Amino acid sequence: SEFLDGSVKGAVNIPLDEVQRQLSKFKDKQNIVVFCRSGSRSSQAKSILESNGFQNVINGGTWENVNSIANE
């Protein structure tokens, strides 16, 4: 429901509890930007990805923040 409340064009919804199981979706991505409604879960997602060897992860914080940057 959070994703339906707001997101960024082209974003893929992967809930925090699914990140570990869906690591293959992140392979071969040049940059990974994680975000959520408050910025808390995105921080956790970034940690999960980095602990699995991903070094190209940016915590965008809230979806509003990422959306405003993407639309500049």
PDB file of N, CA and C in Angstrom:
ATOM      1  N   SER A   1       0.828  -1.200   0.000  1.00  0.00           N
ATOM      2  CA  SER A   1       0.000   0.000   0.000  1.00  0.00           C
ATOM      3  C   SER A   1       0.868   1.257   0.000  1.00  0.00           C
ATOM      4  N   GLU A   2       2.028   1.189   0.643  1.00  0.00           N
ATOM      5  CA  GLU A   2       2.920   2.350   0.675  1.00  0.00           C
ATOM      6  C   GLU A   2       3.352   2.746  -0.736  1.00  0.00           C
ATOM      7  N   PHE A   3       3.666   1.764  -1.556  1.00  0.00           N
ATOM      8  CA  PHE A   3       4.101   2.031  -2.929  1.00  0.00           C
ATOM      9  C   PHE A   3       2.994   2.719  -3.719  1.00  0.00           C
ATOM     10  N   LEU A   4       1.752   2.342  -3.459  1.00  0.00           N
ATOM     11  CA  LEU A   4       0.617   2.968  -4.154  1.00  0.00           C
ATOM     12  C   LEU A   4       0.394   4.408  -3.710  1.00  0.00           C
ATOM     13  N   ASP A   5       0.816   4.722  -2.476  1.00  0.00           N
ATOM     14  CA  ASP A   5       0.654   6.086  -1.954  1.00  0.00           C
ATOM     15  C   ASP A   5       1.585   7.077  -2.645  1.00  0.00           C
ATOM     16  N   GLY A   6       2.709   6.577  -3.166  1.00  0.00           N
ATOM     17  CA  GLY A   6       3.638   7.453  -3.866  1.00  0.00           C
ATOM     18  C   GLY A   6       4.918   6.731  -4.196  1.00  0.00           C
ATOM     19  N   SER A   7       5.483   7.080  -5.319  1.00  0.00           N
ATOM     20  CA  SER A   7       6.723   6.455  -5.753  1.00  0.00           C
ATOM     21  C   SER A   7       7.385   7.350  -6.790  1.00  0.00           C
ATOM     22  N   VAL A   8       8.334   6.772  -7.505  1.00  0.00           N
ATOM     23  CA  VAL A   8       9.087   7.482  -8.526  1.00  0.00           C
ATOM     24  C   VAL A   8       8.909   6.729  -9.837  1.00  0.00           C
ATOM     25  N   LYS A   9       8.744   7.472 -10.923  1.00  0.00           N
ATOM     26  CA  LYS A   9       8.564   6.847 -12.229  1.00  0.00           C
ATOM     27  C   LYS A   9       9.705   5.864 -12.512  1.00  0.00           C
ATOM     28  N   GLY A  10       9.348   4.649 -12.900  1.00  0.00           N
ATOM     29  CA  GLY A  10      10.330   3.622 -13.227  1.00  0.00           C
ATOM     30  C   GLY A  10      10.820   2.810 -12.047  1.00  0.00           C
ATOM     31  N   ALA A  11      10.355   3.137 -10.854  1.00  0.00           N
ATOM     32  CA  ALA A  11      10.790   2.415  -9.653  1.00  0.00           C
ATOM     33  C   ALA A  11      10.209   1.011  -9.623  1.00  0.00           C
ATOM     34  N   VAL A  12      10.944   0.121  -8.989  1.00  0.00           N
ATOM     35  CA  VAL A  12      10.505  -1.260  -8.806  1.00  0.00           C
ATOM     36  C   VAL A  12      10.246  -1.451  -7.319  1.00  0.00           C
ATOM     37  N   ASN A  13       9.080  -1.955  -6.988  1.00  0.00           N
ATOM     38  CA  ASN A  13       8.713  -2.164  -5.598  1.00  0.00           C
ATOM     39  C   ASN A  13       9.238  -3.510  -5.099  1.00  0.00           C
ATOM     40  N   ILE A  14      10.216  -3.456  -4.198  1.00  0.00           N
ATOM     41  CA  ILE A  14      10.705  -4.661  -3.532  1.00  0.00           C
ATOM     42  C   ILE A  14      10.648  -4.366  -2.040  1.00  0.00           C
ATOM     43  N   PRO A  15       9.669  -4.919  -1.331  1.00  0.00           N
ATOM     44  CA  PRO A  15       9.551  -4.677   0.105  1.00  0.00           C
ATOM     45  C   PRO A  15      10.821  -5.108   0.850  1.00  0.00           C
ATOM     46  N   LEU A  16      11.101  -4.436   1.945  1.00  0.00           N
ATOM     47  CA  LEU A  16      12.310  -4.699   2.717  1.00  0.00           C
ATOM     48  C   LEU A  16      12.489  -6.169   3.048  1.00  0.00           C
ATOM     49  N   ASP A  17      11.426  -6.838   3.438  1.00  0.00           N
ATOM     50  CA  ASP A  17      11.549  -8.250   3.809  1.00  0.00           C
ATOM     51  C   ASP A  17      11.787  -9.168   2.613  1.00  0.00           C
ATOM     52  N   GLU A  18      11.768  -8.627   1.397  1.00  0.00           N
ATOM     53  CA  GLU A  18      12.028  -9.403   0.185  1.00  0.00           C
ATOM     54  C   GLU A  18      13.413  -9.130  -0.414  1.00  0.00           C
ATOM     55  N   VAL A  19      14.090  -8.096   0.039  1.00  0.00           N
ATOM     56  CA  VAL A  19      15.366  -7.692  -0.569  1.00  0.00           C
ATOM     57  C   VAL A  19      16.368  -8.837  -0.578  1.00  0.00           C
ATOM     58  N   GLN A  20      16.547  -9.482   0.549  1.00  0.00           N
ATOM     59  CA  GLN A  20      17.529 -10.581   0.647  1.00  0.00           C
ATOM     60  C   GLN A  20      17.225 -11.698  -0.351  1.00  0.00           C
ATOM     61  N   ARG A  21      15.957 -12.024  -0.512  1.00  0.00           N
ATOM     62  CA  ARG A  21      15.575 -13.110  -1.422  1.00  0.00           C
ATOM     63  C   ARG A  21      15.602 -12.703  -2.892  1.00  0.00           C
ATOM     64  N   GLN A  22      15.655 -11.421  -3.155  1.00  0.00           N
ATOM     65  CA  GLN A  22      15.600 -10.959  -4.539  1.00  0.00           C
ATOM     66  C   GLN A  22      16.890 -10.252  -4.974  1.00  0.00           C
ATOM     67  N   LEU A  23      18.008 -10.639  -4.407  1.00  0.00           N
ATOM     68  CA  LEU A  23      19.287 -10.025  -4.739  1.00  0.00           C
ATOM     69  C   LEU A  23      19.616 -10.111  -6.223  1.00  0.00           C
ATOM     70  N   SER A  24      19.161 -11.166  -6.884  1.00  0.00           N
ATOM     71  CA  SER A  24      19.470 -11.336  -8.313  1.00  0.00           C
ATOM     72  C   SER A  24      18.920 -10.177  -9.153  1.00  0.00           C
ATOM     73  N   LYS A  25      17.876  -9.523  -8.694  1.00  0.00           N
ATOM     74  CA  LYS A  25      17.298  -8.402  -9.438  1.00  0.00           C
ATOM     75  C   LYS A  25      18.214  -7.180  -9.449  1.00  0.00           C
ATOM     76  N   PHE A  26      19.181  -7.155  -8.529  1.00  0.00           N
ATOM     77  CA  PHE A  26      20.077  -6.010  -8.424  1.00  0.00           C
ATOM     78  C   PHE A  26      21.379  -6.200  -9.194  1.00  0.00           C
ATOM     79  N   LYS A  27      21.655  -7.432  -9.607  1.00  0.00           N
ATOM     80  CA  LYS A  27      22.898  -7.698 -10.326  1.00  0.00           C
ATOM     81  C   LYS A  27      22.940  -6.923 -11.628  1.00  0.00           C
ATOM     82  N   ASP A  28      24.135  -6.503 -11.987  1.00  0.00           N
ATOM     83  CA  ASP A  28      24.398  -5.783 -13.231  1.00  0.00           C
ATOM     84  C   ASP A  28      23.745  -4.405 -13.296  1.00  0.00           C
ATOM     85  N   LYS A  29      23.283  -3.882 -12.172  1.00  0.00           N
ATOM     86  CA  LYS A  29      22.746  -2.519 -12.154  1.00  0.00           C
ATOM     87  C   LYS A  29      23.894  -1.567 -11.861  1.00  0.00           C
ATOM     88  N   GLN A  30      24.023  -0.509 -12.666  1.00  0.00           N
ATOM     89  CA  GLN A  30      25.105   0.449 -12.457  1.00  0.00           C
ATOM     90  C   GLN A  30      24.953   1.189 -11.147  1.00  0.00           C
ATOM     91  N   ASN A  31      23.767   1.677 -10.894  1.00  0.00           N
ATOM     92  CA  ASN A  31      23.471   2.380  -9.651  1.00  0.00           C
ATOM     93  C   ASN A  31      22.140   1.896  -9.113  1.00  0.00           C
ATOM     94  N   ILE A  32      22.085   1.756  -7.803  1.00  0.00           N
ATOM     95  CA  ILE A  32      20.866   1.326  -7.130  1.00  0.00           C
ATOM     96  C   ILE A  32      20.488   2.430  -6.147  1.00  0.00           C
ATOM     97  N   VAL A  33      19.291   2.969  -6.298  1.00  0.00           N
ATOM     98  CA  VAL A  33      18.791   3.989  -5.379  1.00  0.00           C
ATOM     99  C   VAL A  33      17.629   3.369  -4.613  1.00  0.00           C
ATOM    100  N   VAL A  34      17.772   3.312  -3.304  1.00  0.00           N
ATOM    101  CA  VAL A  34      16.695   2.756  -2.469  1.00  0.00           C
ATOM    102  C   VAL A  34      15.985   3.917  -1.767  1.00  0.00           C
ATOM    103  N   PHE A  35      14.684   3.769  -1.602  1.00  0.00           N
ATOM    104  CA  PHE A  35      13.903   4.795  -0.917  1.00  0.00           C
ATOM    105  C   PHE A  35      12.634   4.183  -0.369  1.00  0.00           C
ATOM    106  N   CYS A  36      11.992   4.900   0.522  1.00  0.00           N
ATOM    107  CA  CYS A  36      10.722   4.445   1.110  1.00  0.00           C
ATOM    108  C   CYS A  36       9.941   5.680   1.556  1.00  0.00           C
ATOM    109  N   ARG A  37       8.924   5.489   2.328  1.00  0.00           N
ATOM    110  CA  ARG A  37       8.096   6.620   2.765  1.00  0.00           C
ATOM    111  C   ARG A  37       8.845   7.517   3.753  1.00  0.00           C
ATOM    112  N   SER A  38       9.591   6.909   4.686  1.00  0.00           N
ATOM    113  CA  SER A  38      10.230   7.703   5.739  1.00  0.00           C
ATOM    114  C   SER A  38      11.753   7.790   5.634  1.00  0.00           C
ATOM    115  N   GLY A  39      12.362   6.886   4.888  1.00  0.00           N
ATOM    116  CA  GLY A  39      13.815   6.836   4.795  1.00  0.00           C
ATOM    117  C   GLY A  39      14.451   5.803   5.708  1.00  0.00           C
ATOM    118  N   SER A  40      13.684   5.246   6.624  1.00  0.00           N
ATOM    119  CA  SER A  40      14.211   4.265   7.576  1.00  0.00           C
ATOM    120  C   SER A  40      14.458   2.904   6.919  1.00  0.00           C
ATOM    121  N   ARG A  41      13.467   2.389   6.232  1.00  0.00           N
ATOM    122  CA  ARG A  41      13.622   1.083   5.587  1.00  0.00           C
ATOM    123  C   ARG A  41      14.630   1.135   4.443  1.00  0.00           C
ATOM    124  N   SER A  42      14.736   2.289   3.798  1.00  0.00           N
ATOM    125  CA  SER A  42      15.730   2.401   2.721  1.00  0.00           C
ATOM    126  C   SER A  42      17.143   2.287   3.286  1.00  0.00           C
ATOM    127  N   SER A  43      17.355   2.789   4.475  1.00  0.00           N
ATOM    128  CA  SER A  43      18.659   2.639   5.132  1.00  0.00           C
ATOM    129  C   SER A  43      18.946   1.172   5.408  1.00  0.00           C
ATOM    130  N   GLN A  44      17.951   0.446   5.859  1.00  0.00           N
ATOM    131  CA  GLN A  44      18.104  -0.988   6.115  1.00  0.00           C
ATOM    132  C   GLN A  44      18.350  -1.755   4.808  1.00  0.00           C
ATOM    133  N   ALA A  45      17.643  -1.379   3.755  1.00  0.00           N
ATOM    134  CA  ALA A  45      17.820  -2.035   2.454  1.00  0.00           C
ATOM    135  C   ALA A  45      19.234  -1.802   1.941  1.00  0.00           C
ATOM    136  N   LYS A  46      19.739  -0.597   2.102  1.00  0.00           N
ATOM    137  CA  LYS A  46      21.104  -0.285   1.683  1.00  0.00           C
ATOM    138  C   LYS A  46      22.097  -1.168   2.427  1.00  0.00           C
ATOM    139  N   SER A  47      21.913  -1.332   3.717  1.00  0.00           N
ATOM    140  CA  SER A  47      22.799  -2.188   4.518  1.00  0.00           C
ATOM    141  C   SER A  47      22.757  -3.635   4.052  1.00  0.00           C
ATOM    142  N   ILE A  48      21.573  -4.137   3.754  1.00  0.00           N
ATOM    143  CA  ILE A  48      21.429  -5.514   3.270  1.00  0.00           C
ATOM    144  C   ILE A  48      22.180  -5.682   1.956  1.00  0.00           C
ATOM    145  N   LEU A  49      21.984  -4.757   1.047  1.00  0.00           N
ATOM    146  CA  LEU A  49      22.639  -4.850  -0.261  1.00  0.00           C
ATOM    147  C   LEU A  49      24.159  -4.756  -0.123  1.00  0.00           C
ATOM    148  N   GLU A  50      24.627  -3.823   0.692  1.00  0.00           N
ATOM    149  CA  GLU A  50      26.072  -3.679   0.876  1.00  0.00           C
ATOM    150  C   GLU A  50      26.682  -4.900   1.550  1.00  0.00           C
ATOM    151  N   SER A  51      25.965  -5.506   2.480  1.00  0.00           N
ATOM    152  CA  SER A  51      26.492  -6.705   3.138  1.00  0.00           C
ATOM    153  C   SER A  51      26.528  -7.904   2.195  1.00  0.00           C
ATOM    154  N   ASN A  52      25.859  -7.770   1.053  1.00  0.00           N
ATOM    155  CA  ASN A  52      25.886  -8.812   0.032  1.00  0.00           C
ATOM    156  C   ASN A  52      26.760  -8.421  -1.159  1.00  0.00           C
ATOM    157  N   GLY A  53      27.633  -7.452  -0.948  1.00  0.00           N
ATOM    158  CA  GLY A  53      28.633  -7.112  -1.942  1.00  0.00           C
ATOM    159  C   GLY A  53      28.301  -5.999  -2.914  1.00  0.00           C
ATOM    160  N   PHE A  54      27.135  -5.417  -2.819  1.00  0.00           N
ATOM    161  CA  PHE A  54      26.779  -4.313  -3.718  1.00  0.00           C
ATOM    162  C   PHE A  54      27.401  -3.026  -3.182  1.00  0.00           C
ATOM    163  N   GLN A  55      28.157  -2.346  -4.033  1.00  0.00           N
ATOM    164  CA  GLN A  55      28.839  -1.125  -3.607  1.00  0.00           C
ATOM    165  C   GLN A  55      28.256   0.122  -4.251  1.00  0.00           C
ATOM    166  N   ASN A  56      27.331  -0.049  -5.138  1.00  0.00           N
ATOM    167  CA  ASN A  56      26.765   1.062  -5.904  1.00  0.00           C
ATOM    168  C   ASN A  56      25.362   1.438  -5.410  1.00  0.00           C
ATOM    169  N   VAL A  57      25.188   1.460  -4.082  1.00  0.00           N
ATOM    170  CA  VAL A  57      23.870   1.693  -3.494  1.00  0.00           C
ATOM    171  C   VAL A  57      23.804   3.090  -2.888  1.00  0.00           C
ATOM    172  N   ILE A  58      22.766   3.821  -3.245  1.00  0.00           N
ATOM    173  CA  ILE A  58      22.534   5.160  -2.718  1.00  0.00           C
ATOM    174  C   ILE A  58      21.224   5.144  -1.937  1.00  0.00           C
ATOM    175  N   ASN A  59      21.263   5.651  -0.713  1.00  0.00           N
ATOM    176  CA  ASN A  59      20.029   5.793   0.052  1.00  0.00           C
ATOM    177  C   ASN A  59      19.423   7.141  -0.295  1.00  0.00           C
ATOM    178  N   GLY A  60      18.356   7.102  -1.082  1.00  0.00           N
ATOM    179  CA  GLY A  60      17.674   8.330  -1.484  1.00  0.00           C
ATOM    180  C   GLY A  60      16.767   8.893  -0.415  1.00  0.00           C
ATOM    181  N   GLY A  61      16.580   8.153   0.674  1.00  0.00           N
ATOM    182  CA  GLY A  61      15.700   8.621   1.744  1.00  0.00           C
ATOM    183  C   GLY A  61      14.248   8.391   1.399  1.00  0.00           C
ATOM    184  N   THR A  62      13.495   9.463   1.358  1.00  0.00           N
ATOM    185  CA  THR A  62      12.064   9.347   1.082  1.00  0.00           C
ATOM    186  C   THR A  62      11.794   9.345  -0.422  1.00  0.00           C
ATOM    187  N   TRP A  63      10.640   8.812  -0.795  1.00  0.00           N
ATOM    188  CA  TRP A  63      10.292   8.813  -2.216  1.00  0.00           C
ATOM    189  C   TRP A  63      10.087  10.237  -2.717  1.00  0.00           C
ATOM    190  N   GLU A  64       9.618  11.134  -1.847  1.00  0.00           N
ATOM    191  CA  GLU A  64       9.439  12.531  -2.251  1.00  0.00           C
ATOM    192  C   GLU A  64      10.789  13.153  -2.605  1.00  0.00           C
ATOM    193  N   ASN A  65      11.820  12.860  -1.812  1.00  0.00           N
ATOM    194  CA  ASN A  65      13.156  13.379  -2.074  1.00  0.00           C
ATOM    195  C   ASN A  65      13.675  12.867  -3.410  1.00  0.00           C
ATOM    196  N   VAL A  66      13.579  11.577  -3.645  1.00  0.00           N
ATOM    197  CA  VAL A  66      14.059  10.999  -4.899  1.00  0.00           C
ATOM    198  C   VAL A  66      13.257  11.536  -6.074  1.00  0.00           C
ATOM    199  N   ASN A  67      11.973  11.663  -5.910  1.00  0.00           N
ATOM    200  CA  ASN A  67      11.124  12.175  -6.982  1.00  0.00           C
ATOM    201  C   ASN A  67      11.488  13.613  -7.337  1.00  0.00           C
ATOM    202  N   SER A  68      11.770  14.436  -6.343  1.00  0.00           N
ATOM    203  CA  SER A  68      12.112  15.836  -6.635  1.00  0.00           C
ATOM    204  C   SER A  68      13.460  15.933  -7.351  1.00  0.00           C
ATOM    205  N   ILE A  69      14.416  15.092  -6.983  1.00  0.00           N
ATOM    206  CA  ILE A  69      15.715  15.080  -7.657  1.00  0.00           C
ATOM    207  C   ILE A  69      15.577  14.558  -9.079  1.00  0.00           C
ATOM    208  N   ALA A  70      14.791  13.519  -9.252  1.00  0.00           N
ATOM    209  CA  ALA A  70      14.610  12.921 -10.577  1.00  0.00           C
ATOM    210  C   ALA A  70      13.918  13.867 -11.551  1.00  0.00           C
ATOM    211  N   ASN A  71      13.124  14.774 -11.017  1.00  0.00           N
ATOM    212  CA  ASN A  71      12.368  15.701 -11.872  1.00  0.00           C
ATOM    213  C   ASN A  71      13.013  17.071 -12.012  1.00  0.00           C
ATOM    214  N   GLU A  72      14.263  17.213 -11.575  1.00  0.00           N
ATOM    215  CA  GLU A  72      14.964  18.499 -11.725  1.00  0.00           C
ATOM    216  C   GLU A  72      15.415  18.715 -13.135  1.00  0.00           C
TER     217      GLU A  72
END
